[in-house]
Amino acid sequence: MIKTLGDRVLIKLDKGAETTEGGLVIPENARDKQTCYGTVLAISEHGLLTPKGKYLPLQVKVGDRVLVRQYAGTDVDVEGIPGAEVFRENDIYAIIEE
């Protein structure tokens, strides 16, 4: 089990297209982050601590599909979870409601 700290959120990003429209295969090391969508895997218990000593709860919950800021996340090597990245909550633009 993973618990993030502060206002950090662990998100598994959706993979972008691996081939071009013309059928060319893009190798993973040459692929740019194509999508900014992902699924929240873990959040902290308390959220962000304010200067007044109170915790603000996070607005996202585990399982939410979210739109995140491109290039903002930090890649993490979590066993069994390829594509996982840690984001600050303010790097999440929106929760996608199905």
C-alpha atoms as a PDB file:
ATOM      1  CA  MET A   1       0.000   0.000   0.000  1.00  0.00           C
ATOM      2  CA  ILE A   2       1.219   3.501  -0.820  1.00  0.00           C
ATOM      3  CA  LYS A   3       0.342   6.701   1.051  1.00  0.00           C
ATOM      4  CA  THR A   4       1.404   9.996  -0.429  1.00  0.00           C
ATOM      5  CA  LEU A   5       2.293  12.945   1.791  1.00  0.00           C
ATOM      6  CA  GLY A   6       1.063  16.538   1.888  1.00  0.00           C
ATOM      7  CA  ASP A   7      -0.881  17.473  -1.215  1.00  0.00           C
ATOM      8  CA  ARG A   8       0.719  14.763  -3.399  1.00  0.00           C
ATOM      9  CA  VAL A   9      -1.396  12.387  -5.490  1.00  0.00           C
ATOM     10  CA  LEU A  10      -0.240   9.149  -7.161  1.00  0.00           C
ATOM     11  CA  ILE A  11      -1.738   8.885 -10.658  1.00  0.00           C
ATOM     12  CA  LYS A  12      -1.444   6.165 -13.284  1.00  0.00           C
ATOM     13  CA  LEU A  13      -1.306   7.968 -16.611  1.00  0.00           C
ATOM     14  CA  ASP A  14      -3.073   6.563 -19.645  1.00  0.00           C
ATOM     15  CA  LYS A  15      -0.663   5.635 -22.420  1.00  0.00           C
ATOM     16  CA  GLY A  16      -0.779   7.697 -25.579  1.00  0.00           C
ATOM     17  CA  ALA A  17      -0.856   6.323 -29.085  1.00  0.00           C
ATOM     18  CA  GLU A  18       2.045   4.008 -29.861  1.00  0.00           C
ATOM     19  CA  THR A  19       1.676   4.294 -33.628  1.00  0.00           C
ATOM     20  CA  THR A  20       1.114   7.263 -35.906  1.00  0.00           C
ATOM     21  CA  GLU A  21      -1.915   7.583 -38.161  1.00  0.00           C
ATOM     22  CA  GLY A  22       0.312   6.415 -41.021  1.00  0.00           C
ATOM     23  CA  GLY A  23       1.173   3.233 -39.122  1.00  0.00           C
ATOM     24  CA  LEU A  24       4.696   4.130 -37.960  1.00  0.00           C
ATOM     25  CA  VAL A  25       5.590   2.676 -34.568  1.00  0.00           C
ATOM     26  CA  ILE A  26       6.947   5.217 -32.084  1.00  0.00           C
ATOM     27  CA  PRO A  27       9.518   3.680 -29.713  1.00  0.00           C
ATOM     28  CA  GLU A  28       8.847   4.342 -26.035  1.00  0.00           C
ATOM     29  CA  ASN A  29      12.074   6.302 -25.480  1.00  0.00           C
ATOM     30  CA  ALA A  30      11.154   8.691 -28.323  1.00  0.00           C
ATOM     31  CA  ARG A  31       7.511   9.080 -27.351  1.00  0.00           C
ATOM     32  CA  ASP A  32       6.335  12.361 -25.872  1.00  0.00           C
ATOM     33  CA  LYS A  33       3.692  12.376 -23.159  1.00  0.00           C
ATOM     34  CA  GLN A  34       0.676  12.182 -25.418  1.00  0.00           C
ATOM     35  CA  THR A  35      -2.088  12.266 -22.843  1.00  0.00           C
ATOM     36  CA  CYS A  36      -2.790  14.254 -19.766  1.00  0.00           C
ATOM     37  CA  TYR A  37      -5.370  11.828 -18.402  1.00  0.00           C
ATOM     38  CA  GLY A  38      -5.012   9.346 -15.611  1.00  0.00           C
ATOM     39  CA  THR A  39      -6.555   7.536 -12.676  1.00  0.00           C
ATOM     40  CA  VAL A  40      -5.884   8.441  -9.045  1.00  0.00           C
ATOM     41  CA  LEU A  41      -4.270   5.499  -7.227  1.00  0.00           C
ATOM     42  CA  ALA A  42      -3.388   7.031  -3.838  1.00  0.00           C
ATOM     43  CA  ILE A  43      -3.844  10.269  -1.905  1.00  0.00           C
ATOM     44  CA  SER A  44      -2.636  11.502   1.466  1.00  0.00           C
ATOM     45  CA  GLU A  45      -4.845  11.208   4.542  1.00  0.00           C
ATOM     46  CA  HIS A  46      -4.714  14.834   5.547  1.00  0.00           C
ATOM     47  CA  GLY A  47      -4.161  16.989   2.477  1.00  0.00           C
ATOM     48  CA  LEU A  48      -2.369  20.323   2.562  1.00  0.00           C
ATOM     49  CA  LEU A  49      -1.411  22.029   5.831  1.00  0.00           C
ATOM     50  CA  THR A  50      -2.357  25.724   5.871  1.00  0.00           C
ATOM     51  CA  PRO A  51      -0.299  28.432   7.615  1.00  0.00           C
ATOM     52  CA  LYS A  52      -2.980  28.475  10.366  1.00  0.00           C
ATOM     53  CA  GLY A  53      -2.273  24.828  11.164  1.00  0.00           C
ATOM     54  CA  LYS A  54      -5.417  23.333   9.622  1.00  0.00           C
ATOM     55  CA  TYR A  55      -5.520  20.635   6.965  1.00  0.00           C
ATOM     56  CA  LEU A  56      -7.404  21.205   3.730  1.00  0.00           C
ATOM     57  CA  PRO A  57      -8.854  17.924   2.435  1.00  0.00           C
ATOM     58  CA  LEU A  58      -7.900  16.926  -1.096  1.00  0.00           C
ATOM     59  CA  GLN A  59     -10.597  17.382  -3.707  1.00  0.00           C
ATOM     60  CA  VAL A  60      -9.837  14.109  -5.490  1.00  0.00           C
ATOM     61  CA  LYS A  61     -10.345  10.563  -4.265  1.00  0.00           C
ATOM     62  CA  VAL A  62      -8.886   7.204  -5.218  1.00  0.00           C
ATOM     63  CA  GLY A  63     -10.415   5.984  -8.478  1.00  0.00           C
ATOM     64  CA  ASP A  64     -11.155   9.446  -9.933  1.00  0.00           C
ATOM     65  CA  ARG A  65     -10.260   9.972 -13.606  1.00  0.00           C
ATOM     66  CA  VAL A  66      -8.460  13.290 -13.870  1.00  0.00           C
ATOM     67  CA  LEU A  67      -6.967  15.744 -16.346  1.00  0.00           C
ATOM     68  CA  VAL A  68      -3.454  16.749 -15.271  1.00  0.00           C
ATOM     69  CA  ARG A  69      -0.915  19.353 -16.284  1.00  0.00           C
ATOM     70  CA  GLN A  70       1.455  17.956 -18.895  1.00  0.00           C
ATOM     71  CA  TYR A  71       5.082  17.434 -17.722  1.00  0.00           C
ATOM     72  CA  ALA A  72       4.204  18.266 -14.096  1.00  0.00           C
ATOM     73  CA  GLY A  73       4.429  14.769 -12.632  1.00  0.00           C
ATOM     74  CA  THR A  74       7.441  12.953 -11.261  1.00  0.00           C
ATOM     75  CA  ASP A  75       7.946   9.419 -12.583  1.00  0.00           C
ATOM     76  CA  VAL A  76       8.074   6.824  -9.838  1.00  0.00           C
ATOM     77  CA  ASP A  77       9.008   3.178 -10.068  1.00  0.00           C
ATOM     78  CA  VAL A  78       6.200   1.418  -8.256  1.00  0.00           C
ATOM     79  CA  GLU A  79       6.344  -2.347  -8.632  1.00  0.00           C
ATOM     80  CA  GLY A  80       3.398  -3.573 -10.674  1.00  0.00           C
ATOM     81  CA  ILE A  81       2.196  -0.079 -11.659  1.00  0.00           C
ATOM     82  CA  PRO A  82       3.847   1.051 -14.897  1.00  0.00           C
ATOM     83  CA  GLY A  83       3.162   4.677 -15.795  1.00  0.00           C
ATOM     84  CA  ALA A  84       2.671   5.862 -12.215  1.00  0.00           C
ATOM     85  CA  GLU A  85       3.591   9.457 -11.443  1.00  0.00           C
ATOM     86  CA  VAL A  86       3.290  11.694  -8.398  1.00  0.00           C
ATOM     87  CA  PHE A  87       1.576  15.059  -8.882  1.00  0.00           C
ATOM     88  CA  ARG A  88       0.775  17.946  -6.570  1.00  0.00           C
ATOM     89  CA  GLU A  89      -2.951  18.489  -6.251  1.00  0.00           C
ATOM     90  CA  ASN A  90      -2.695  21.910  -7.927  1.00  0.00           C
ATOM     91  CA  ASP A  91      -1.370  20.141 -11.080  1.00  0.00           C
ATOM     92  CA  ILE A  92      -4.758  18.440 -11.458  1.00  0.00           C
ATOM     93  CA  TYR A  93      -7.010  20.558 -13.649  1.00  0.00           C
ATOM     94  CA  ALA A  94     -10.254  18.605 -13.507  1.00  0.00           C
ATOM     95  CA  ILE A  95     -12.041  15.454 -12.415  1.00  0.00           C
ATOM     96  CA  ILE A  96     -13.587  13.703 -15.402  1.00  0.00           C
ATOM     97  CA  GLU A  97     -17.104  12.506 -14.686  1.00  0.00           C
ATOM     98  CA  GLU A  98     -18.247   9.636 -16.890  1.00  0.00           C
END
